[in-house]
Amino acid sequence: MAIVAVSIAPLGTGSTSVSEYVAKTQEILERHPNLTYRLDPMFTNIEGDLSEIFAAVEEMHEALIAMGAQRLSTVVKIDDRRDTAHSMTEKIAVVEAKVQQG
């Protein structure tokens, strides 16, 4: 299972606001029931099979072009750990437990 952080920034839209584009990406992720995702202020974190994540990212990318973006700047960061499986929630819980221990 992979965890992918993705940020797709539309350029050439005539506005500095990107919320409608971000909302569209979230709608697309809703259509991928095998993926778990979490919207954060600067990235969307997606968890699941890497090939399915790539397919969803491509779909998101094309949807923003279809919405009128003239250019996209996309950042993708992949954590593909194969020796063990930890979900996004579990990874956060491990760090929070260590913070509590001081």
C-alpha atoms as a PDB file:
ATOM      1  CA  MET A   1       0.000   0.000   0.000  1.00  0.00           C
ATOM      2  CA  ALA A   2       1.292   3.429  -0.935  1.00  0.00           C
ATOM      3  CA  ILE A   3       0.669   6.863   0.474  1.00  0.00           C
ATOM      4  CA  VAL A   4       0.829   9.699  -2.040  1.00  0.00           C
ATOM      5  CA  ALA A   5       0.713  13.435  -1.400  1.00  0.00           C
ATOM      6  CA  VAL A   6      -0.528  15.359  -4.424  1.00  0.00           C
ATOM      7  CA  SER A   7      -1.009  19.055  -5.102  1.00  0.00           C
ATOM      8  CA  ILE A   8      -2.343  20.239  -8.448  1.00  0.00           C
ATOM      9  CA  ALA A   9      -2.201  24.014  -8.856  1.00  0.00           C
ATOM     10  CA  PRO A  10      -4.106  25.471 -11.812  1.00  0.00           C
ATOM     11  CA  LEU A  11      -2.472  28.418 -13.571  1.00  0.00           C
ATOM     12  CA  GLY A  12      -3.956  30.788 -16.109  1.00  0.00           C
ATOM     13  CA  THR A  13      -7.430  30.822 -14.589  1.00  0.00           C
ATOM     14  CA  GLY A  14      -7.670  34.565 -14.004  1.00  0.00           C
ATOM     15  CA  SER A  15      -8.133  34.054 -10.251  1.00  0.00           C
ATOM     16  CA  THR A  16      -5.916  33.331  -7.265  1.00  0.00           C
ATOM     17  CA  SER A  17      -8.608  31.118  -5.714  1.00  0.00           C
ATOM     18  CA  VAL A  18      -8.272  27.378  -6.273  1.00  0.00           C
ATOM     19  CA  SER A  19     -11.060  26.029  -4.046  1.00  0.00           C
ATOM     20  CA  GLU A  20     -13.362  25.017  -6.919  1.00  0.00           C
ATOM     21  CA  TYR A  21     -10.501  23.055  -8.477  1.00  0.00           C
ATOM     22  CA  VAL A  22      -9.651  21.373  -5.188  1.00  0.00           C
ATOM     23  CA  ALA A  23     -13.325  20.495  -4.726  1.00  0.00           C
ATOM     24  CA  LYS A  24     -13.315  18.847  -8.157  1.00  0.00           C
ATOM     25  CA  THR A  25     -10.331  16.683  -7.216  1.00  0.00           C
ATOM     26  CA  GLN A  26     -12.156  15.567  -4.076  1.00  0.00           C
ATOM     27  CA  GLU A  27     -15.234  14.633  -6.141  1.00  0.00           C
ATOM     28  CA  ILE A  28     -13.027  12.488  -8.342  1.00  0.00           C
ATOM     29  CA  LEU A  29     -11.491  10.722  -5.355  1.00  0.00           C
ATOM     30  CA  GLU A  30     -15.001   9.927  -4.108  1.00  0.00           C
ATOM     31  CA  ARG A  31     -15.406   7.809  -7.259  1.00  0.00           C
ATOM     32  CA  HIS A  32     -12.444   5.640  -6.206  1.00  0.00           C
ATOM     33  CA  PRO A  33     -13.824   3.603  -3.285  1.00  0.00           C
ATOM     34  CA  ASN A  34     -10.614   1.579  -2.858  1.00  0.00           C
ATOM     35  CA  LEU A  35      -8.657   4.736  -2.039  1.00  0.00           C
ATOM     36  CA  THR A  36      -8.565   6.508   1.292  1.00  0.00           C
ATOM     37  CA  TYR A  37      -7.795  10.205   1.169  1.00  0.00           C
ATOM     38  CA  ARG A  38      -7.471  13.228   3.395  1.00  0.00           C
ATOM     39  CA  LEU A  39      -7.546  16.852   2.329  1.00  0.00           C
ATOM     40  CA  ASP A  40      -4.953  19.019   4.037  1.00  0.00           C
ATOM     41  CA  PRO A  41      -4.319  22.753   3.508  1.00  0.00           C
ATOM     42  CA  MET A  42      -1.642  22.266   0.840  1.00  0.00           C
ATOM     43  CA  PHE A  43      -1.860  18.640  -0.328  1.00  0.00           C
ATOM     44  CA  THR A  44      -4.321  15.795  -0.593  1.00  0.00           C
ATOM     45  CA  ASN A  45      -2.929  12.594   0.885  1.00  0.00           C
ATOM     46  CA  ILE A  46      -4.125   9.426  -0.829  1.00  0.00           C
ATOM     47  CA  GLU A  47      -3.661   5.867   0.393  1.00  0.00           C
ATOM     48  CA  GLY A  48      -4.085   2.672  -1.604  1.00  0.00           C
ATOM     49  CA  ASP A  49      -2.758   0.704  -4.542  1.00  0.00           C
ATOM     50  CA  LEU A  50      -0.167   2.790  -6.364  1.00  0.00           C
ATOM     51  CA  SER A  51      -1.545   2.097  -9.854  1.00  0.00           C
ATOM     52  CA  GLU A  52      -5.045   3.140  -8.754  1.00  0.00           C
ATOM     53  CA  ILE A  53      -3.656   6.293  -7.164  1.00  0.00           C
ATOM     54  CA  PHE A  54      -1.835   7.164 -10.400  1.00  0.00           C
ATOM     55  CA  ALA A  55      -5.069   6.636 -12.349  1.00  0.00           C
ATOM     56  CA  ALA A  56      -6.950   8.941  -9.952  1.00  0.00           C
ATOM     57  CA  VAL A  57      -4.236  11.617 -10.160  1.00  0.00           C
ATOM     58  CA  GLU A  58      -4.368  11.501 -13.958  1.00  0.00           C
ATOM     59  CA  GLU A  59      -8.158  11.823 -13.833  1.00  0.00           C
ATOM     60  CA  MET A  60      -7.873  14.788 -11.467  1.00  0.00           C
ATOM     61  CA  HIS A  61      -5.258  16.409 -13.699  1.00  0.00           C
ATOM     62  CA  GLU A  62      -7.404  16.077 -16.837  1.00  0.00           C
ATOM     63  CA  ALA A  63     -10.536  17.314 -15.050  1.00  0.00           C
ATOM     64  CA  LEU A  64      -8.828  20.576 -14.071  1.00  0.00           C
ATOM     65  CA  ILE A  65      -7.730  21.145 -17.653  1.00  0.00           C
ATOM     66  CA  ALA A  66     -11.331  20.531 -18.721  1.00  0.00           C
ATOM     67  CA  MET A  67     -12.421  23.187 -16.202  1.00  0.00           C
ATOM     68  CA  GLY A  68     -10.390  25.781 -18.092  1.00  0.00           C
ATOM     69  CA  ALA A  69      -6.977  25.785 -16.451  1.00  0.00           C
ATOM     70  CA  GLN A  70      -4.449  26.722 -19.116  1.00  0.00           C
ATOM     71  CA  ARG A  71      -1.576  25.163 -17.202  1.00  0.00           C
ATOM     72  CA  LEU A  72      -1.127  22.914 -14.176  1.00  0.00           C
ATOM     73  CA  SER A  73       1.734  22.654 -11.744  1.00  0.00           C
ATOM     74  CA  THR A  74       1.539  19.231 -10.114  1.00  0.00           C
ATOM     75  CA  VAL A  75       3.602  17.928  -7.206  1.00  0.00           C
ATOM     76  CA  VAL A  76       3.473  14.229  -6.319  1.00  0.00           C
ATOM     77  CA  LYS A  77       5.320  12.689  -3.368  1.00  0.00           C
ATOM     78  CA  ILE A  78       5.167   8.902  -2.931  1.00  0.00           C
ATOM     79  CA  ASP A  79       5.774   6.799   0.190  1.00  0.00           C
ATOM     80  CA  ASP A  80       5.738   3.201  -1.050  1.00  0.00           C
ATOM     81  CA  ARG A  81       6.932   1.111   1.887  1.00  0.00           C
ATOM     82  CA  ARG A  82       6.979  -2.610   1.096  1.00  0.00           C
ATOM     83  CA  ASP A  83       8.424  -4.151   4.283  1.00  0.00           C
ATOM     84  CA  THR A  84       5.341  -3.403   6.397  1.00  0.00           C
ATOM     85  CA  ALA A  85       1.924  -1.822   6.047  1.00  0.00           C
ATOM     86  CA  HIS A  86       0.997   1.306   7.963  1.00  0.00           C
ATOM     87  CA  SER A  87      -2.011   3.434   7.132  1.00  0.00           C
ATOM     88  CA  MET A  88      -1.934   7.224   7.229  1.00  0.00           C
ATOM     89  CA  THR A  89      -3.812   7.081  10.525  1.00  0.00           C
ATOM     90  CA  GLU A  90      -1.368   4.583  12.024  1.00  0.00           C
ATOM     91  CA  LYS A  91       1.667   6.612  10.959  1.00  0.00           C
ATOM     92  CA  ILE A  92       0.256   9.697  12.662  1.00  0.00           C
ATOM     93  CA  ALA A  93      -0.642   7.718  15.800  1.00  0.00           C
ATOM     94  CA  VAL A  94       2.948   6.437  16.131  1.00  0.00           C
ATOM     95  CA  VAL A  95       4.335   9.970  16.050  1.00  0.00           C
ATOM     96  CA  GLU A  96       1.682  11.308  18.448  1.00  0.00           C
ATOM     97  CA  ALA A  97       2.465   8.503  20.909  1.00  0.00           C
ATOM     98  CA  LYS A  98       6.138   9.463  20.831  1.00  0.00           C
ATOM     99  CA  VAL A  99       5.263  13.110  21.450  1.00  0.00           C
ATOM    100  CA  GLN A 100       3.185  12.069  24.478  1.00  0.00           C
ATOM    101  CA  GLN A 101       6.105  10.046  25.846  1.00  0.00           C
ATOM    102  CA  GLY A 102       8.205  13.175  25.712  1.00  0.00           C
END
